[in-house]
Amino acid sequence: MPALVNEDTCISCGACVDACPVDAISMNDKAKVDPDTCTDCGACVDECPVDAITL
């Protein structure tokens, strides 16, 4: 399963965007994961300072 972003918790800091090795995350108001590109590596989960991302 691709990473999921809890939009209520996301603070739009961009740490996940920078951490993603396959550029599967984009930032508008909140982080958004492209499920077709996400490889389930967990890099974004480790970098999120507010634990808004889960696999």
C-alpha atoms as a PDB file:
ATOM      1  CA  MET A   1       0.000   0.000   0.000  1.00  0.00           C
ATOM      2  CA  PRO A   2       1.231   3.496  -0.734  1.00  0.00           C
ATOM      3  CA  ALA A   3       1.850   6.015   2.023  1.00  0.00           C
ATOM      4  CA  LEU A   4      -1.221   7.801   3.343  1.00  0.00           C
ATOM      5  CA  VAL A   5      -1.246  11.388   4.585  1.00  0.00           C
ATOM      6  CA  ASN A   6      -3.540  12.438   7.427  1.00  0.00           C
ATOM      7  CA  GLU A   7      -4.524  15.891   6.173  1.00  0.00           C
ATOM      8  CA  ASP A   8      -5.793  16.923   9.615  1.00  0.00           C
ATOM      9  CA  THR A   9      -2.317  16.352  11.078  1.00  0.00           C
ATOM     10  CA  CYS A  10      -0.130  17.482   8.148  1.00  0.00           C
ATOM     11  CA  ILE A  11       1.521  20.870   8.743  1.00  0.00           C
ATOM     12  CA  SER A  12       2.692  21.292   5.124  1.00  0.00           C
ATOM     13  CA  CYS A  13       6.373  21.481   6.098  1.00  0.00           C
ATOM     14  CA  GLY A  14       7.616  19.656   2.982  1.00  0.00           C
ATOM     15  CA  ALA A  15       9.947  17.258   4.801  1.00  0.00           C
ATOM     16  CA  CYS A  16       8.250  14.293   3.130  1.00  0.00           C
ATOM     17  CA  VAL A  17       8.644  15.823  -0.331  1.00  0.00           C
ATOM     18  CA  ASP A  18      12.375  16.233   0.232  1.00  0.00           C
ATOM     19  CA  ALA A  19      12.702  12.715   1.678  1.00  0.00           C
ATOM     20  CA  CYS A  20      10.899  10.841  -1.105  1.00  0.00           C
ATOM     21  CA  PRO A  21      13.474   9.178  -3.380  1.00  0.00           C
ATOM     22  CA  VAL A  22      10.986   8.660  -6.231  1.00  0.00           C
ATOM     23  CA  ASP A  23       9.240  12.069  -6.153  1.00  0.00           C
ATOM     24  CA  ALA A  24       5.882  10.503  -5.313  1.00  0.00           C
ATOM     25  CA  ILE A  25       4.822  13.329  -2.992  1.00  0.00           C
ATOM     26  CA  SER A  26       3.649  16.762  -4.032  1.00  0.00           C
ATOM     27  CA  MET A  27       2.684  19.700  -1.866  1.00  0.00           C
ATOM     28  CA  ASN A  28      -0.330  21.932  -2.378  1.00  0.00           C
ATOM     29  CA  ASP A  29      -2.161  22.876   0.813  1.00  0.00           C
ATOM     30  CA  LYS A  30      -1.181  19.483   2.233  1.00  0.00           C
ATOM     31  CA  ALA A  31       1.094  16.654   1.157  1.00  0.00           C
ATOM     32  CA  LYS A  32      -0.343  14.328  -1.467  1.00  0.00           C
ATOM     33  CA  VAL A  33       1.076  10.907  -2.367  1.00  0.00           C
ATOM     34  CA  ASP A  34       0.843   9.551  -5.908  1.00  0.00           C
ATOM     35  CA  PRO A  35      -0.041   5.886  -5.274  1.00  0.00           C
ATOM     36  CA  ASP A  36       1.197   4.834  -8.711  1.00  0.00           C
ATOM     37  CA  THR A  37       4.688   6.213  -8.031  1.00  0.00           C
ATOM     38  CA  CYS A  38       5.042   5.419  -4.311  1.00  0.00           C
ATOM     39  CA  THR A  39       7.287   2.404  -3.640  1.00  0.00           C
ATOM     40  CA  ASP A  40       6.323   1.999   0.050  1.00  0.00           C
ATOM     41  CA  CYS A  41       9.903   2.698   1.188  1.00  0.00           C
ATOM     42  CA  GLY A  42       8.854   4.604   4.311  1.00  0.00           C
ATOM     43  CA  ALA A  43      11.317   7.472   3.927  1.00  0.00           C
ATOM     44  CA  CYS A  44       8.510  10.010   4.251  1.00  0.00           C
ATOM     45  CA  VAL A  45       7.165   8.329   7.390  1.00  0.00           C
ATOM     46  CA  ASP A  46      10.550   8.641   9.086  1.00  0.00           C
ATOM     47  CA  GLU A  47      10.903  12.335   8.176  1.00  0.00           C
ATOM     48  CA  CYS A  48       7.430  13.604   9.090  1.00  0.00           C
ATOM     49  CA  PRO A  49       7.802  15.637  12.300  1.00  0.00           C
ATOM     50  CA  VAL A  50       4.126  15.248  13.261  1.00  0.00           C
ATOM     51  CA  ASP A  51       3.607  11.578  12.297  1.00  0.00           C
ATOM     52  CA  ALA A  52       1.013  12.486   9.670  1.00  0.00           C
ATOM     53  CA  ILE A  53       2.107   9.744   7.243  1.00  0.00           C
ATOM     54  CA  THR A  54       1.529   6.013   7.545  1.00  0.00           C
ATOM     55  CA  LEU A  55       2.130   3.026   5.295  1.00  0.00           C
END
